[in-house]
Amino acid sequence: MLDSATPGRAAGQQFGERTHSVERAWLHGLAAADELGLAARHTPVPETEPDAWRCVLRRHGTPARLGEGHGKGAEGPARVGALFAALAHHLSGDVPDWPGTRLRQAHALPIGEPARDQAVARLRDEPDAPLLCLPYRSLTGVDLLDLPVFLATPDYLDLAAPARAALGDQHGYRTVRRYASPVGWAAGCTPEEATVHALTQVVERDAAARVLTERLGPAGAAPLRVLEPRSLPCPLSALLRGAEERLGQRVALLEITAETGIPAYWAWTPSPPGAPDRLRGLGASLSPYLAVERALHELIASQAVLVARPPAARRPGPVRCPRFDLAPALRVARHVPFLDAEAPATPEAHLAALLGRLGQAGLTAWSWARYTSPHLSVIHVAVPGARRLPAADDGQADQADRADLAGTPGQVRLDATSG
């Protein structure tokens, strides 16, 4: 087996981001489900020639609340990914039972460093009231920071106001609902592994939002950077061709690495006219190879899951990637070669490198541990100042969403530093 720092190595431990092999991670995931009183059932999506795997957690034969997850890629990693995703979704959905919650006055929350988060600042546009918060700890120090629960999950705002009031939360959340996002949650066999995956998720969303910000900002934005397909290693080239065959159209691989310098890519393809952008392929990693692979697998899996979902289940809901037509920008894009790089060999080294690059970009990462056991860690990570992709209920960005991204003077502005 090649060393985990070798670019382009075979799957295995995913370029040092994973603590264990796929086989051992599978056993840890099953043990974690068992300790929670859950059983996992996996099904391929679609049933023949699957592009993804679906995991549903059950308790005494009944599906557990929000206990569903999808995994992408080859069968082994996809089954493991689906299992850990289902565990993360289940544990991140039962808000009233979260440990460590506390009430804080909205206007008392800090809006300068380190909590330079636009959503927190927007809370001051509404009447002051107590709201439920979580204690996050700095990943680079010993400081603690209270951040509102709603930033970690839209499910909290799905609770009826009386249910939130029963918890002591009397805030109205009128102007900040679009900032609620499940981004930043991850599960892993260890806290370091989970935190690495949570951080790369935040990074890829931040990078995608930066692309949209530039497109909506003043004229003269830098051209999009698109990977030259002929420069891809053979396995990635084959994966790109497979994605195009499954979707029936060309796929552009946008190189969207932002100020952090953490490699990020967007596998982009246009939606049909008038349809929401429900397909998205984003990937970030200190390994450019893995980041591209992740973006393509996510795009393929998104298509498979959407097609397999019964029409009745395809109800409208928040779309975490508002519709912005990048086709005109692609026509004048700059083609760049794929450049691989070595990645750290362990999750601990990955975490240190990620935090170092975020720090150089002036960003501080904070984490809250939802669940920790010898088999499973479920972590939420917040990076105040990282851009968000605002929600759009119909896939079309409304005026406020566009103002958020473009930073229109006098309007809401997205965090000026990512489902």
Protein backbone atom coordinates (compact mmCIF):
# COMPACT_ATOMS: atom_id res chain seq x y z
CA MET A 1 0.00 0.00 0.00
CA LEU A 2 1.26 3.45 -0.87
CA ASP A 3 1.96 5.93 1.87
CA SER A 4 -1.07 8.08 2.73
CA ALA A 5 0.81 11.26 1.80
CA THR A 6 1.32 10.06 -1.78
CA PRO A 7 -0.84 11.99 -4.28
CA GLY A 8 -3.28 9.84 -6.22
CA ARG A 9 -3.09 6.84 -3.88
CA ALA A 10 -5.87 4.29 -3.89
CA ALA A 11 -8.93 4.86 -1.69
CA GLY A 12 -8.01 3.23 1.66
CA GLN A 13 -7.83 5.92 4.31
CA GLN A 14 -8.55 8.78 1.92
CA PHE A 15 -5.23 10.59 1.87
CA GLY A 16 -4.83 10.61 5.64
CA GLU A 17 -8.25 12.11 6.43
CA ARG A 18 -9.50 8.83 7.91
CA THR A 19 -8.27 7.22 11.13
CA HIS A 20 -9.07 3.65 10.08
CA SER A 21 -9.47 1.55 6.96
CA VAL A 22 -12.92 1.32 5.40
CA GLU A 23 -13.40 -2.11 6.97
CA ARG A 24 -12.57 -0.94 10.50
CA ALA A 25 -14.60 2.24 10.12
CA TRP A 26 -17.59 0.09 9.15
CA LEU A 27 -17.27 -1.91 12.36
CA HIS A 28 -16.96 1.25 14.44
CA GLY A 29 -20.06 2.69 12.77
CA LEU A 30 -22.12 -0.41 13.47
CA ALA A 31 -20.90 -0.44 17.09
CA ALA A 32 -21.85 3.23 17.43
CA ALA A 33 -25.34 2.55 16.11
CA ASP A 34 -25.71 -0.35 18.52
CA GLU A 35 -24.66 1.73 21.55
CA LEU A 36 -27.40 4.21 20.59
CA GLY A 37 -29.96 1.41 20.37
CA LEU A 38 -30.15 1.66 16.58
CA ALA A 39 -29.93 -0.79 13.70
CA ALA A 40 -28.70 0.24 10.24
CA ARG A 41 -30.27 -0.85 6.95
CA HIS A 42 -28.47 -0.09 3.69
CA THR A 43 -29.89 0.00 0.17
CA PRO A 44 -28.19 0.85 -3.14
CA VAL A 45 -29.29 3.92 -5.13
CA PRO A 46 -30.35 3.01 -7.75
CA GLU A 47 -30.81 -0.69 -7.08
CA THR A 48 -28.86 -1.65 -10.20
CA GLU A 49 -25.42 -0.15 -10.81
CA PRO A 50 -25.66 2.10 -7.74
CA ASP A 51 -24.10 5.57 -7.73
CA ALA A 52 -24.82 6.03 -4.02
CA TRP A 53 -25.88 4.10 -0.92
CA ARG A 54 -28.68 4.98 1.47
CA CYS A 55 -28.68 4.15 5.17
CA VAL A 56 -31.78 4.28 7.35
CA LEU A 57 -31.42 3.91 11.12
CA ARG A 58 -34.19 2.09 12.97
CA ARG A 59 -35.09 1.72 16.62
CA HIS A 60 -37.23 -1.34 17.40
CA GLY A 61 -38.11 -1.59 13.74
CA THR A 62 -39.27 2.03 13.42
CA PRO A 63 -37.23 4.56 11.42
CA ALA A 64 -35.34 6.87 13.78
CA ARG A 65 -36.06 10.59 13.52
CA LEU A 66 -33.83 12.11 10.80
CA GLY A 67 -31.85 8.88 10.81
CA GLU A 68 -31.13 8.78 7.09
CA GLY A 69 -27.90 9.38 5.21
CA HIS A 70 -26.40 8.89 1.76
CA GLY A 71 -22.86 7.93 0.86
CA LYS A 72 -21.06 8.42 -2.43
CA GLY A 73 -18.26 6.71 -4.29
CA ALA A 74 -17.29 3.04 -4.44
CA GLU A 75 -19.50 0.61 -2.52
CA GLY A 76 -17.31 0.19 0.57
CA PRO A 77 -16.67 3.90 1.27
CA ALA A 78 -20.23 4.79 0.21
CA ARG A 79 -21.81 2.36 2.69
CA VAL A 80 -19.58 3.66 5.48
CA GLY A 81 -20.27 7.26 4.48
CA ALA A 82 -24.03 6.65 4.47
CA LEU A 83 -23.87 5.08 7.93
CA PHE A 84 -21.89 7.94 9.49
CA ALA A 85 -24.04 10.52 7.68
CA ALA A 86 -27.19 8.91 9.09
CA LEU A 87 -25.71 8.96 12.59
CA ALA A 88 -24.76 12.63 12.21
CA HIS A 89 -28.20 13.57 10.89
CA HIS A 90 -29.97 11.71 13.69
CA LEU A 91 -27.88 13.22 16.47
CA SER A 92 -27.99 16.74 15.01
CA GLY A 93 -31.78 16.80 14.73
CA ASP A 94 -32.99 16.36 18.31
CA VAL A 95 -32.35 19.97 19.33
CA PRO A 96 -34.28 20.15 22.62
CA ASP A 97 -32.18 17.28 24.00
CA TRP A 98 -28.80 18.80 23.14
CA PRO A 99 -26.53 19.02 26.17
CA GLY A 100 -24.99 22.30 27.28
CA THR A 101 -27.53 24.69 25.73
CA ARG A 102 -27.84 28.06 27.45
CA LEU A 103 -29.87 31.23 27.05
CA ARG A 104 -28.22 34.49 26.03
CA GLN A 105 -29.64 37.90 25.18
CA ALA A 106 -29.38 38.38 21.42
CA HIS A 107 -27.91 41.88 21.65
CA ALA A 108 -25.30 40.70 24.16
CA LEU A 109 -23.66 38.33 21.69
CA PRO A 110 -20.33 39.69 20.40
CA ILE A 111 -20.34 40.87 16.80
CA GLY A 112 -16.67 41.76 16.50
CA GLU A 113 -13.80 39.34 16.57
CA PRO A 114 -13.95 36.45 17.13
CA ALA A 115 -17.68 36.26 16.36
CA ARG A 116 -17.63 38.30 13.16
CA ASP A 117 -20.62 36.52 11.77
CA GLN A 118 -23.14 38.44 9.69
CA ALA A 119 -26.04 36.39 11.05
CA VAL A 120 -25.11 37.29 14.63
CA ALA A 121 -24.86 40.95 13.63
CA ARG A 122 -28.30 40.78 11.99
CA LEU A 123 -29.82 39.72 15.32
CA ARG A 124 -29.53 43.36 16.36
CA ASP A 125 -32.00 44.30 13.64
CA GLU A 126 -34.71 42.62 15.72
CA PRO A 127 -35.97 43.31 19.26
CA ASP A 128 -33.63 42.04 21.95
CA ALA A 129 -34.77 38.73 23.39
CA PRO A 130 -33.23 35.59 24.90
CA LEU A 131 -32.28 32.88 22.44
CA LEU A 132 -30.82 29.41 22.81
CA CYS A 133 -27.05 29.13 22.35
CA LEU A 134 -24.32 26.51 22.47
CA PRO A 135 -20.85 26.84 24.00
CA TYR A 136 -18.23 26.43 21.26
CA ARG A 137 -14.56 26.05 22.04
CA SER A 138 -11.75 27.48 19.99
CA LEU A 139 -9.86 24.89 17.98
CA THR A 140 -6.69 26.95 18.32
CA GLY A 141 -6.94 28.08 21.93
CA VAL A 142 -8.87 27.75 25.17
CA ASP A 143 -11.54 30.39 24.60
CA LEU A 144 -15.26 29.64 24.68
CA LEU A 145 -17.86 31.37 22.54
CA ASP A 146 -21.66 31.18 22.70
CA LEU A 147 -23.28 30.95 19.27
CA PRO A 148 -27.01 30.64 18.51
CA VAL A 149 -28.38 27.14 18.01
CA PHE A 150 -30.26 28.15 14.85
CA LEU A 151 -26.96 28.68 13.01
CA ALA A 152 -26.27 24.95 13.32
CA THR A 153 -29.58 23.58 12.14
CA PRO A 154 -32.71 24.75 10.29
CA ASP A 155 -34.59 22.10 12.30
CA TYR A 156 -34.57 24.40 15.31
CA LEU A 157 -36.56 27.04 13.45
CA ASP A 158 -38.97 24.34 12.32
CA LEU A 159 -40.07 24.05 15.93
CA ALA A 160 -43.22 26.06 16.65
CA ALA A 161 -42.59 29.30 18.53
CA PRO A 162 -44.35 27.95 21.67
CA ALA A 163 -42.00 24.95 21.67
CA ARG A 164 -38.99 27.27 21.53
CA ALA A 165 -40.55 29.47 24.20
CA ALA A 166 -40.82 26.43 26.46
CA LEU A 167 -37.03 26.28 26.28
CA GLY A 168 -36.83 29.96 27.23
CA ASP A 169 -36.14 31.13 23.66
CA GLN A 170 -38.32 34.13 22.84
CA HIS A 171 -36.57 35.39 19.72
CA GLY A 172 -38.54 35.94 16.51
CA TYR A 173 -35.77 35.09 13.97
CA ARG A 174 -37.55 37.18 11.34
CA THR A 175 -34.50 38.47 9.45
CA VAL A 176 -32.02 35.67 10.07
CA ARG A 177 -33.86 32.52 8.99
CA ARG A 178 -31.94 32.27 5.72
CA TYR A 179 -28.70 31.87 7.68
CA ALA A 180 -29.82 28.64 9.35
CA SER A 181 -27.77 25.86 7.80
CA PRO A 182 -26.76 22.25 8.49
CA VAL A 183 -23.27 22.97 7.11
CA GLY A 184 -20.47 22.17 9.52
CA TRP A 185 -21.77 18.86 10.88
CA ALA A 186 -19.69 15.73 10.51
CA ALA A 187 -19.28 12.32 12.08
CA GLY A 188 -16.12 10.26 12.36
CA CYS A 189 -14.47 7.54 14.38
CA THR A 190 -12.52 10.19 16.32
CA PRO A 191 -13.01 13.89 17.13
CA GLU A 192 -10.09 14.82 14.86
CA GLU A 193 -11.50 12.90 11.93
CA ALA A 194 -14.96 14.40 12.36
CA THR A 195 -13.54 17.92 12.70
CA VAL A 196 -11.48 17.57 9.51
CA HIS A 197 -14.57 16.64 7.51
CA ALA A 198 -16.65 19.39 9.10
CA LEU A 199 -14.00 21.99 8.26
CA THR A 200 -13.63 20.91 4.64
CA GLN A 201 -17.41 21.14 4.28
CA VAL A 202 -17.34 24.73 5.54
CA VAL A 203 -14.41 25.50 3.22
CA GLU A 204 -16.12 24.19 0.08
CA ARG A 205 -19.29 26.20 0.78
CA ASP A 206 -17.25 29.32 1.46
CA ALA A 207 -15.37 28.85 -1.81
CA ALA A 208 -18.58 28.36 -3.83
CA ALA A 209 -20.14 31.46 -2.26
CA ARG A 210 -17.02 33.44 -3.20
CA VAL A 211 -17.54 32.48 -6.86
CA LEU A 212 -21.12 33.72 -6.73
CA THR A 213 -20.06 36.88 -4.89
CA GLU A 214 -17.63 37.73 -7.68
CA ARG A 215 -20.24 37.09 -10.35
CA LEU A 216 -22.76 39.43 -8.66
CA GLY A 217 -20.26 42.07 -7.62
CA PRO A 218 -18.86 44.98 -9.62
CA ALA A 219 -17.82 44.35 -13.21
CA GLY A 220 -14.31 43.11 -13.76
CA ALA A 221 -14.44 39.92 -11.70
CA ALA A 222 -11.58 37.53 -12.34
CA PRO A 223 -12.43 34.84 -14.93
CA LEU A 224 -13.60 31.49 -13.66
CA ARG A 225 -10.88 28.85 -13.52
CA VAL A 226 -11.85 25.54 -15.13
CA LEU A 227 -9.71 22.43 -15.00
CA GLU A 228 -8.41 21.22 -18.34
CA PRO A 229 -9.83 17.64 -18.58
CA ARG A 230 -6.74 16.37 -20.41
CA SER A 231 -4.60 17.24 -17.38
CA LEU A 232 -6.53 14.97 -15.02
CA PRO A 233 -5.01 11.66 -13.85
CA CYS A 234 -6.62 8.67 -15.55
CA PRO A 235 -8.94 7.70 -12.64
CA LEU A 236 -10.31 11.24 -12.35
CA SER A 237 -10.65 11.55 -16.12
CA ALA A 238 -12.69 8.33 -16.18
CA LEU A 239 -14.82 9.57 -13.28
CA LEU A 240 -15.50 12.84 -15.15
CA ARG A 241 -16.58 10.95 -18.26
CA GLY A 242 -18.82 8.73 -16.13
CA ALA A 243 -20.47 11.78 -14.57
CA GLU A 244 -21.17 13.24 -18.00
CA GLU A 245 -22.66 9.96 -19.21
CA ARG A 246 -24.96 9.69 -16.19
CA LEU A 247 -26.15 13.29 -16.41
CA GLY A 248 -26.29 13.35 -20.18
CA GLN A 249 -24.38 16.63 -20.47
CA ARG A 250 -20.97 18.19 -20.07
CA VAL A 251 -19.59 18.79 -16.58
CA ALA A 252 -17.27 21.69 -15.87
CA LEU A 253 -14.76 21.29 -13.06
CA LEU A 254 -14.35 24.73 -11.53
CA GLU A 255 -11.21 25.35 -9.48
CA ILE A 256 -12.63 27.57 -6.72
CA THR A 257 -9.89 27.61 -4.10
CA ALA A 258 -10.45 30.71 -1.95
CA GLU A 259 -8.24 32.85 0.28
CA THR A 260 -7.58 29.95 2.64
CA GLY A 261 -5.53 28.17 -0.03
CA ILE A 262 -7.34 24.90 0.78
CA PRO A 263 -8.01 23.19 -2.59
CA ALA A 264 -11.70 23.33 -3.52
CA TYR A 265 -13.59 22.36 -6.68
CA TRP A 266 -17.12 22.66 -8.01
CA ALA A 267 -18.42 20.04 -10.46
CA TRP A 268 -20.98 22.21 -12.23
CA THR A 269 -23.63 21.47 -14.80
CA PRO A 270 -26.63 23.65 -15.71
CA SER A 271 -30.11 22.72 -14.56
CA PRO A 272 -32.95 22.65 -17.10
CA PRO A 273 -34.56 26.07 -17.73
CA GLY A 274 -36.77 27.04 -14.80
CA ALA A 275 -35.63 24.14 -12.62
CA PRO A 276 -33.91 24.69 -9.26
CA ASP A 277 -30.22 23.94 -8.87
CA ARG A 278 -30.69 20.84 -6.77
CA LEU A 279 -27.60 19.13 -8.15
CA ARG A 280 -24.34 20.20 -6.65
CA GLY A 281 -20.87 18.71 -6.62
CA LEU A 282 -18.53 20.44 -4.19
CA GLY A 283 -15.30 19.08 -2.77
CA ALA A 284 -12.47 20.43 -0.64
CA SER A 285 -9.41 18.74 0.81
CA LEU A 286 -5.73 19.33 1.34
CA SER A 287 -5.40 16.63 -1.33
CA PRO A 288 -6.46 18.20 -4.67
CA TYR A 289 -7.00 14.68 -6.03
CA LEU A 290 -9.47 13.83 -3.28
CA ALA A 291 -11.18 17.23 -3.58
CA VAL A 292 -11.90 16.68 -7.31
CA GLU A 293 -12.97 13.10 -6.69
CA ARG A 294 -15.28 14.24 -3.90
CA ALA A 295 -16.90 16.92 -6.09
CA LEU A 296 -17.59 14.49 -8.93
CA HIS A 297 -18.91 11.76 -6.63
CA GLU A 298 -21.24 14.28 -4.95
CA LEU A 299 -22.62 15.40 -8.31
CA ILE A 300 -23.22 11.81 -9.43
CA ALA A 301 -24.79 10.82 -6.10
CA SER A 302 -27.03 13.92 -6.07
CA GLN A 303 -28.45 12.89 -9.45
CA ALA A 304 -28.97 9.30 -8.33
CA VAL A 305 -30.74 10.27 -5.11
CA LEU A 306 -32.96 12.83 -6.85
CA VAL A 307 -34.05 10.37 -9.54
CA ALA A 308 -34.66 7.57 -7.03
CA ARG A 309 -36.80 9.73 -4.73
CA PRO A 310 -40.54 9.23 -5.27
CA PRO A 311 -42.22 12.28 -6.87
CA ALA A 312 -44.35 12.79 -3.75
CA ALA A 313 -41.17 13.07 -1.67
CA ARG A 314 -39.68 15.74 -3.92
CA ARG A 315 -41.37 18.50 -1.97
CA PRO A 316 -40.07 22.04 -2.19
CA GLY A 317 -37.70 23.02 0.56
CA PRO A 318 -34.70 25.21 1.24
CA VAL A 319 -32.20 24.80 -1.57
CA ARG A 320 -28.74 25.47 -0.24
CA CYS A 321 -27.37 26.46 -3.63
CA PRO A 322 -29.41 29.31 -5.14
CA ARG A 323 -29.70 29.37 -8.91
CA PHE A 324 -27.09 31.52 -10.59
CA ASP A 325 -26.34 30.90 -14.24
CA LEU A 326 -22.59 30.44 -14.60
CA ALA A 327 -22.81 29.52 -18.29
CA PRO A 328 -21.91 33.02 -19.57
CA ALA A 329 -18.90 33.15 -17.27
CA LEU A 330 -17.81 29.70 -18.42
CA ARG A 331 -17.63 30.89 -22.02
CA VAL A 332 -14.77 33.21 -21.08
CA ALA A 333 -13.27 31.02 -18.36
CA ARG A 334 -9.56 30.44 -18.03
CA HIS A 335 -8.53 26.80 -18.41
CA VAL A 336 -5.94 25.65 -15.89
CA PRO A 337 -4.12 22.34 -15.44
CA PHE A 338 -4.82 20.01 -12.55
CA LEU A 339 -1.96 20.18 -10.05
CA ASP A 340 -1.76 17.54 -7.35
CA ALA A 341 -0.03 17.97 -3.99
CA GLU A 342 0.91 15.88 -1.01
CA ALA A 343 -1.53 15.68 1.86
CA PRO A 344 -0.80 15.08 5.57
CA ALA A 345 -0.69 11.45 6.62
CA THR A 346 -3.07 11.54 9.62
CA PRO A 347 -6.28 13.29 10.66
CA GLU A 348 -4.36 15.07 13.41
CA ALA A 349 -1.87 16.47 10.89
CA HIS A 350 -4.73 17.35 8.54
CA LEU A 351 -6.47 19.26 11.29
CA ALA A 352 -3.36 21.22 12.21
CA ALA A 353 -2.75 22.16 8.56
CA LEU A 354 -6.36 23.19 7.99
CA LEU A 355 -6.40 25.38 11.09
CA GLY A 356 -3.10 26.91 10.04
CA ARG A 357 -4.45 27.92 6.63
CA LEU A 358 -7.66 29.27 8.11
CA GLY A 359 -5.61 31.29 10.60
CA GLN A 360 -3.51 32.78 7.81
CA ALA A 361 -6.76 33.92 6.17
CA GLY A 362 -7.82 35.58 9.44
CA LEU A 363 -10.42 32.95 10.35
CA THR A 364 -10.91 31.15 13.66
CA ALA A 365 -12.65 27.78 13.86
CA TRP A 366 -14.84 26.79 16.80
CA SER A 367 -16.34 23.40 17.60
CA TRP A 368 -19.10 21.90 19.70
CA ALA A 369 -19.10 18.17 20.43
CA ARG A 370 -22.61 16.73 20.14
CA TYR A 371 -21.64 13.12 20.87
CA THR A 372 -18.41 11.31 21.70
CA SER A 373 -17.78 7.62 22.36
CA PRO A 374 -14.99 5.12 21.61
CA HIS A 375 -16.68 4.45 18.25
CA LEU A 376 -18.18 7.76 17.16
CA SER A 377 -17.72 11.52 17.33
CA VAL A 378 -20.34 13.92 16.00
CA ILE A 379 -19.04 17.50 15.80
CA HIS A 380 -20.40 20.83 14.66
CA VAL A 381 -17.86 23.39 13.49
CA ALA A 382 -18.48 27.11 13.09
CA VAL A 383 -16.11 29.47 11.28
CA PRO A 384 -17.43 33.01 11.84
CA GLY A 385 -16.65 35.09 8.81
CA ALA A 386 -16.83 32.23 6.32
CA ARG A 387 -19.29 32.86 3.51
CA ARG A 388 -22.58 31.02 3.34
CA LEU A 389 -24.73 29.98 0.43
CA PRO A 390 -28.10 31.53 1.32
CA ALA A 391 -31.21 29.39 1.07
CA ALA A 392 -33.74 29.88 -1.70
CA ASP A 393 -37.05 28.06 -1.43
CA ASP A 394 -37.60 27.72 -5.17
CA GLY A 395 -34.04 27.52 -6.37
CA GLN A 396 -34.12 31.12 -7.55
CA ALA A 397 -32.13 33.70 -5.61
CA ASP A 398 -34.42 36.47 -4.42
CA GLN A 399 -33.40 40.09 -4.02
CA ALA A 400 -32.20 39.66 -0.43
CA ASP A 401 -30.16 36.57 -1.29
CA ARG A 402 -28.46 38.40 -4.15
CA ALA A 403 -27.79 41.35 -1.88
CA ASP A 404 -26.27 38.98 0.67
CA LEU A 405 -23.88 37.59 -1.90
CA ALA A 406 -23.08 40.78 -3.71
CA GLY A 407 -22.74 42.97 -0.63
CA THR A 408 -25.09 45.63 -1.98
CA PRO A 409 -24.67 48.85 0.03
CA GLY A 410 -27.55 49.42 2.40
CA GLN A 411 -28.68 45.81 2.13
CA VAL A 412 -27.88 42.62 3.96
CA ARG A 413 -24.35 41.56 3.23
CA LEU A 414 -22.91 38.06 3.31
CA ASP A 415 -19.99 37.41 5.60
CA ALA A 416 -16.95 39.05 4.04
CA THR A 417 -14.34 36.41 4.35
CA SER A 418 -20.58 26.71 1.56
CA GLY A 419 -26.31 22.38 1.37
